[in-house]
């Protein structure tokens, strides 16, 4: 039985790992949500500390002291490798869970977990006890590719090339020399080169489940900005498209958090918003019809906390857009 009896009551939720960038973004979204209230927020290194998020004071407790039984749903923004066990503990207390780590995502050894690409998996998410929230890069790339795969427009055996640039918040807030201001400012560099980034497992497993017969070449880059991801994706096609945005218009025409653009997108279009903005252009001078897709998201909102709240809204029977900046 739900712990809330009347529709007007707020639903208690908890955040594990609330001191990181995604965790703080979650706390801010919950603070402004018309139907959610924050039951607890954990941060081991900052236990006992009170901070202000979106104008609201939030006191951190140790993860071990989290009153899991007080929450109807628990968000976990704990580090990869630590989150899975805490999702199981939350379930043992009768709470549902949204896991923002990689632990439960496709390609990471867990089967039967609902994958939280909300626009594509609503029916599964609504009835799920636990949802694996997608990674930020996979959100930008997979939502851009899905309509082409659905219409079988990607050339058989093609190599899809995704070059993606992210702000430094995507690397977390643990102190790292390479993320110091003096190291990042006035620079732009690739990392995870050689097709080795951990998000590839998630994307390959998802593409395979969709029946795509294509290789994915993924190279992330670090931008000297705080937040946002811009993905530039090159896709060989089976045939040219007269209307390059038609596949996305057909697939996402009524989606509140997907925007289509006739011109290449930019980070300014999406910052602090729970949206993915997509454009597509047919390349000239190619022997094989080839499409260039640009996709932009805020890595902390649609790429993490915003999508997590979007999934939680569905799981809790709320309006999907509630509390989310569009």
Protein backbone atom coordinates (compact mmCIF):
# COMPACT_ATOMS: atom_id res chain seq x y z
CA UNK A 1 0.00 0.00 0.00
CA UNK A 2 1.30 3.46 -0.86
CA UNK A 3 2.52 5.59 2.00
CA UNK A 4 0.45 8.50 0.74
CA UNK A 5 -3.31 8.43 0.95
CA UNK A 6 -4.57 11.61 -0.64
CA UNK A 7 -3.74 12.95 -4.08
CA UNK A 8 -2.88 16.33 -2.60
CA UNK A 9 -0.14 14.84 -0.39
CA UNK A 10 3.46 14.99 -1.51
CA UNK A 11 5.31 11.75 -2.14
CA UNK A 12 8.51 11.24 -0.10
CA UNK A 13 11.62 10.37 -2.09
CA UNK A 14 15.26 9.98 -1.11
CA UNK A 15 18.56 10.72 -2.83
CA UNK A 16 21.66 8.57 -2.25
CA UNK A 17 24.88 10.34 -3.23
CA UNK A 18 23.36 13.80 -3.10
CA UNK A 19 26.60 15.78 -2.90
CA UNK A 20 27.69 15.13 -6.50
CA UNK A 21 26.62 17.24 -9.43
CA UNK A 22 23.81 14.89 -10.50
CA UNK A 23 22.72 14.41 -6.89
CA UNK A 24 22.48 18.13 -6.25
CA UNK A 25 20.57 18.58 -9.49
CA UNK A 26 18.14 15.92 -8.28
CA UNK A 27 17.67 17.70 -4.97
CA UNK A 28 16.97 20.97 -6.79
CA UNK A 29 14.38 19.34 -9.05
CA UNK A 30 12.70 17.65 -6.09
CA UNK A 31 12.61 20.95 -4.19
CA UNK A 32 10.69 22.55 -7.05
CA UNK A 33 8.48 19.53 -7.80
CA UNK A 34 4.75 19.98 -7.11
CA UNK A 35 4.25 16.38 -5.93
CA UNK A 36 7.58 15.21 -4.45
CA UNK A 37 9.26 15.94 -1.12
CA UNK A 38 12.80 15.10 -0.06
CA UNK A 39 12.80 12.51 2.74
CA UNK A 40 16.60 12.30 2.98
CA UNK A 41 19.81 13.08 1.13
CA UNK A 42 23.05 11.20 1.76
CA UNK A 43 26.69 12.19 1.37
CA UNK A 44 29.30 10.24 3.33
CA UNK A 45 32.13 12.77 3.14
CA UNK A 46 29.75 15.63 3.94
CA UNK A 47 27.61 13.89 6.55
CA UNK A 48 26.22 16.43 9.01
CA UNK A 49 26.69 19.29 6.54
CA UNK A 50 23.75 21.47 5.52
CA UNK A 51 23.78 23.19 2.13
CA UNK A 52 21.28 25.29 0.22
CA UNK A 53 19.94 23.94 -3.06
CA UNK A 54 17.45 25.98 -5.08
CA UNK A 55 16.96 28.14 -2.00
CA UNK A 56 16.16 25.18 0.28
CA UNK A 57 18.36 23.89 3.14
CA UNK A 58 19.34 20.24 2.77
CA UNK A 59 21.11 18.32 5.49
CA UNK A 60 23.28 15.37 4.46
CA UNK A 61 23.30 12.09 6.40
CA UNK A 62 25.62 9.13 5.98
CA UNK A 63 24.45 6.57 3.43
CA UNK A 64 24.37 3.89 6.14
CA UNK A 65 21.98 6.09 8.14
CA UNK A 66 19.52 6.69 5.29
CA UNK A 67 15.94 5.96 6.45
CA UNK A 68 15.07 3.95 3.35
CA UNK A 69 11.69 3.01 4.79
CA UNK A 70 10.61 6.66 4.76
CA UNK A 71 10.75 6.94 0.96
CA UNK A 72 8.31 5.78 -1.67
CA UNK A 73 11.10 5.97 -4.26
CA UNK A 74 14.87 6.22 -3.93
CA UNK A 75 17.20 7.83 -6.47
CA UNK A 76 20.77 6.55 -6.37
CA UNK A 77 23.54 8.82 -7.63
CA UNK A 78 26.17 6.73 -5.89
CA UNK A 79 29.42 5.82 -7.69
CA UNK A 80 29.45 3.02 -10.24
CA UNK A 81 29.91 -0.29 -8.45
CA UNK A 82 28.35 0.89 -5.18
CA UNK A 83 24.86 1.70 -6.38
CA UNK A 84 23.49 -1.75 -7.25
CA UNK A 85 23.51 -3.03 -3.66
CA UNK A 86 21.77 0.07 -2.37
CA UNK A 87 19.03 -0.30 -4.95
CA UNK A 88 18.45 -3.80 -3.61
CA UNK A 89 18.33 -2.47 -0.05
CA UNK A 90 15.78 0.17 -1.02
CA UNK A 91 13.61 -2.50 -2.62
CA UNK A 92 13.81 -4.58 0.54
CA UNK A 93 12.20 -1.62 2.36
CA UNK A 94 9.42 -1.51 -0.22
CA UNK A 95 10.70 1.50 -2.15
CA UNK A 96 11.01 1.77 -5.88
CA UNK A 97 14.31 2.95 -7.31
CA UNK A 98 15.93 4.91 -10.13
CA UNK A 99 19.63 4.13 -10.47
CA UNK A 100 21.77 6.82 -12.11
CA UNK A 101 24.93 4.69 -12.08
CA UNK A 102 26.04 2.27 -14.79
CA UNK A 103 25.47 -0.77 -12.56
CA UNK A 104 22.08 -1.84 -13.92
CA UNK A 105 22.29 -0.52 -17.48
CA UNK A 106 22.34 -2.77 -20.57
CA UNK A 107 25.70 -4.40 -21.23
CA UNK A 108 26.70 -4.40 -17.56
CA UNK A 109 25.65 -7.92 -16.61
CA UNK A 110 22.13 -7.21 -15.35
CA UNK A 111 19.13 -8.60 -17.20
CA UNK A 112 15.47 -7.74 -16.88
CA UNK A 113 15.96 -4.20 -15.56
CA UNK A 114 13.84 -1.50 -17.18
CA UNK A 115 16.02 0.87 -19.21
CA UNK A 116 15.00 4.47 -18.68
CA UNK A 117 15.14 5.98 -22.15
CA UNK A 118 11.77 7.41 -21.29
CA UNK A 119 10.50 8.30 -24.76
CA UNK A 120 11.15 4.76 -26.02
CA UNK A 121 10.31 2.61 -22.99
CA UNK A 122 7.31 4.17 -21.23
CA UNK A 123 5.26 0.99 -21.02
CA UNK A 124 8.04 -0.87 -19.23
CA UNK A 125 8.97 2.03 -16.96
CA UNK A 126 5.42 2.59 -15.65
CA UNK A 127 5.28 -0.82 -13.98
CA UNK A 128 8.93 -1.11 -12.98
CA UNK A 129 10.23 -1.38 -9.43
CA UNK A 130 13.73 -0.34 -10.53
CA UNK A 131 14.78 1.69 -13.55
CA UNK A 132 18.33 2.01 -14.88
CA UNK A 133 18.73 5.65 -15.85
CA UNK A 134 20.74 5.94 -19.10
CA UNK A 135 24.17 7.55 -19.25
CA UNK A 136 24.46 11.10 -20.54
CA UNK A 137 26.30 10.25 -23.77
CA UNK A 138 23.98 7.30 -24.56
CA UNK A 139 20.94 9.55 -24.07
CA UNK A 140 22.27 12.01 -26.64
CA UNK A 141 23.30 9.31 -29.13
CA UNK A 142 20.59 6.65 -28.79
CA UNK A 143 17.62 9.02 -28.95
CA UNK A 144 19.17 10.46 -32.10
CA UNK A 145 19.65 7.04 -33.73
CA UNK A 146 16.44 5.25 -32.72
CA UNK A 147 14.14 6.63 -35.48
CA UNK A 148 16.61 5.63 -38.20
CA UNK A 149 16.92 2.12 -36.81
CA UNK A 150 13.16 1.77 -36.49
CA UNK A 151 12.74 2.58 -40.20
CA UNK A 152 15.75 0.40 -41.18
CA UNK A 153 17.46 3.37 -42.79
CA UNK A 154 21.00 2.64 -41.54
CA UNK A 155 23.15 0.82 -44.11
CA UNK A 156 23.81 -2.83 -43.27
CA UNK A 157 27.21 -3.21 -41.58
CA UNK A 158 27.71 0.56 -41.42
CA UNK A 159 30.17 2.32 -39.15
CA UNK A 160 28.33 4.99 -37.15
CA UNK A 161 30.74 7.69 -35.95
CA UNK A 162 29.75 9.66 -32.86
CA UNK A 163 32.03 12.52 -31.79
CA UNK A 164 30.68 14.02 -28.58
CA UNK A 165 31.82 16.96 -26.47
CA UNK A 166 30.86 17.34 -22.82
CA UNK A 167 31.22 19.92 -20.10
CA UNK A 168 33.42 19.05 -17.13
CA UNK A 169 30.54 18.26 -14.75
CA UNK A 170 30.20 14.99 -16.65
CA UNK A 171 33.40 13.82 -14.95
CA UNK A 172 31.97 14.28 -11.44
CA UNK A 173 33.16 16.55 -8.64
CA UNK A 174 35.99 14.49 -7.17
CA UNK A 175 39.22 16.54 -7.23
CA UNK A 176 41.26 15.70 -10.35
CA UNK A 177 44.28 17.58 -11.62
CA UNK A 178 43.21 17.32 -15.27
CA UNK A 179 39.92 19.05 -14.42
CA UNK A 180 41.43 22.08 -12.71
CA UNK A 181 40.40 25.37 -14.30
CA UNK A 182 43.91 26.10 -15.53
CA UNK A 183 44.06 22.66 -17.20
CA UNK A 184 40.67 22.85 -18.89
CA UNK A 185 40.50 26.53 -19.85
CA UNK A 186 41.54 27.42 -23.41
CA UNK A 187 41.75 23.72 -24.31
CA UNK A 188 39.71 21.06 -26.11
CA UNK A 189 40.73 17.42 -26.08
CA UNK A 190 39.54 13.88 -26.71
CA UNK A 191 39.59 11.20 -24.05
CA UNK A 192 38.60 7.53 -23.88
CA UNK A 193 40.15 7.22 -27.34
CA UNK A 194 40.38 3.88 -29.12
CA UNK A 195 36.67 3.08 -28.67
CA UNK A 196 37.21 2.20 -25.01
CA UNK A 197 34.78 4.43 -23.08
CA UNK A 198 32.58 2.56 -20.58
CA UNK A 199 29.37 3.91 -22.15
CA UNK A 200 30.04 1.80 -25.24
CA UNK A 201 28.80 -1.34 -23.45
CA UNK A 202 25.46 0.31 -22.79
CA UNK A 203 25.11 1.65 -26.33
CA UNK A 204 26.22 -1.53 -28.10
CA UNK A 205 23.85 -3.68 -26.05
CA UNK A 206 20.96 -1.32 -26.78
CA UNK A 207 21.68 -1.09 -30.50
CA UNK A 208 21.90 -4.88 -30.67
CA UNK A 209 18.54 -5.23 -28.88
CA UNK A 210 17.05 -2.93 -31.52
CA UNK A 211 18.37 -5.17 -34.31
CA UNK A 212 20.91 -2.68 -35.65
CA UNK A 213 23.71 -4.26 -37.71
CA UNK A 214 26.29 -1.50 -37.38
CA UNK A 215 29.53 -0.64 -35.61
CA UNK A 216 29.67 2.37 -33.31
CA UNK A 217 32.82 4.50 -33.15
CA UNK A 218 32.48 6.77 -30.13
CA UNK A 219 34.98 9.44 -29.14
CA UNK A 220 34.18 11.78 -26.23
CA UNK A 221 35.79 15.19 -25.88
CA UNK A 222 36.14 17.55 -22.94
CA UNK A 223 34.82 21.07 -23.41
CA UNK A 224 36.00 24.01 -21.25
CA UNK A 225 32.43 24.63 -20.06
CA UNK A 226 30.54 23.45 -16.98
CA UNK A 227 27.66 21.53 -18.52
CA UNK A 228 26.10 20.28 -21.74
CA UNK A 229 26.79 17.63 -24.39
CA UNK A 230 26.91 18.19 -28.13
CA UNK A 231 27.02 15.03 -30.25
CA UNK A 232 27.90 15.01 -33.94
CA UNK A 233 26.90 11.66 -35.44
CA UNK A 234 27.67 10.44 -38.98
CA UNK A 235 25.37 7.68 -40.28
CA UNK A 236 25.57 5.89 -43.67
CA UNK A 237 22.05 5.34 -45.01
CA UNK A 238 20.34 2.74 -47.17
CA UNK A 239 18.85 5.54 -49.29
CA UNK A 240 18.78 9.35 -49.41
CA UNK A 241 16.11 11.24 -47.48
CA UNK A 242 14.09 13.94 -49.20
CA UNK A 243 12.99 15.25 -45.81
CA UNK A 244 15.92 14.69 -43.46
CA UNK A 245 13.91 15.29 -40.27
CA UNK A 246 10.98 13.05 -41.27
CA UNK A 247 12.12 9.98 -39.23
CA UNK A 248 12.33 12.07 -36.04
CA UNK A 249 9.13 13.95 -36.75
CA UNK A 250 7.27 10.65 -37.17
CA UNK A 251 8.83 9.12 -34.05
CA UNK A 252 8.84 12.10 -31.70
CA UNK A 253 6.24 14.50 -33.07
CA UNK A 254 4.29 14.79 -29.81
CA UNK A 255 7.15 14.35 -27.35
CA UNK A 256 7.36 17.21 -24.82
CA UNK A 257 11.11 16.86 -24.27
CA UNK A 258 12.39 16.30 -27.83
CA UNK A 259 12.88 19.26 -30.12
CA UNK A 260 13.72 19.18 -33.83
CA UNK A 261 15.70 21.92 -35.52
CA UNK A 262 16.18 22.80 -39.17
CA UNK A 263 19.63 24.20 -38.32
CA UNK A 264 22.53 22.66 -36.34
CA UNK A 265 21.90 22.76 -32.60
CA UNK A 266 24.01 24.34 -29.87
CA UNK A 267 24.45 23.93 -26.12
CA UNK A 268 22.71 27.23 -25.44
CA UNK A 269 19.53 25.68 -26.80
CA UNK A 270 19.35 23.09 -24.02
CA UNK A 271 21.15 24.24 -20.87
CA UNK A 272 19.12 23.81 -17.65
CA UNK A 273 16.35 22.14 -19.67
CA UNK A 274 15.13 18.54 -19.76
CA UNK A 275 15.25 18.31 -23.55
CA UNK A 276 17.21 16.74 -26.35
CA UNK A 277 17.42 18.92 -29.46
CA UNK A 278 18.15 17.21 -32.78
CA UNK A 279 18.99 18.33 -36.30
CA UNK A 280 19.95 16.32 -39.40
CA UNK A 281 21.68 17.21 -42.66
CA UNK A 282 22.39 15.05 -45.72
CA UNK A 283 26.09 15.30 -46.56
CA UNK A 284 27.16 16.25 -50.08
CA UNK A 285 29.89 14.59 -52.14
CA UNK A 286 29.47 11.13 -50.58
CA UNK A 287 29.37 7.89 -52.61
CA UNK A 288 27.05 6.41 -49.95
CA UNK A 289 24.10 8.53 -48.76
CA UNK A 290 25.25 9.82 -45.38
CA UNK A 291 23.43 11.79 -42.72
CA UNK A 292 25.03 14.14 -40.21
CA UNK A 293 23.00 14.37 -36.99
CA UNK A 294 23.65 16.90 -34.25
CA UNK A 295 22.15 16.25 -30.84
CA UNK A 296 22.39 18.46 -27.75
CA UNK A 297 21.41 17.88 -24.12
CA UNK A 298 22.21 19.24 -20.69
CA UNK A 299 24.22 16.37 -19.22
CA UNK A 300 22.95 17.05 -15.69
CA UNK A 301 19.27 17.37 -16.64
CA UNK A 302 18.12 15.25 -19.59
CA UNK A 303 21.40 13.33 -19.31
CA UNK A 304 20.97 12.51 -15.60
CA UNK A 305 18.70 14.07 -12.95
CA UNK A 306 15.95 15.36 -15.24
CA UNK A 307 15.50 12.05 -17.01
CA UNK A 308 15.55 10.31 -13.61
CA UNK A 309 12.67 12.51 -12.41
CA UNK A 310 10.87 11.94 -15.73
CA UNK A 311 11.10 8.19 -15.11
CA UNK A 312 10.08 8.57 -11.46
CA UNK A 313 7.01 10.56 -12.49
CA UNK A 314 5.87 7.63 -14.63
CA UNK A 315 6.66 5.06 -11.94
CA UNK A 316 4.65 7.01 -9.35
CA UNK A 317 1.66 7.65 -11.61
CA UNK A 318 2.32 11.38 -11.92
CA UNK A 319 2.23 13.68 -14.92
CA UNK A 320 5.42 12.87 -16.83
CA UNK A 321 6.37 16.53 -17.23
CA UNK A 322 5.77 17.47 -13.58
CA UNK A 323 8.59 19.47 -12.02
CA UNK A 324 10.75 19.40 -15.13
CA UNK A 325 12.15 22.47 -16.92
CA UNK A 326 11.23 22.42 -20.58
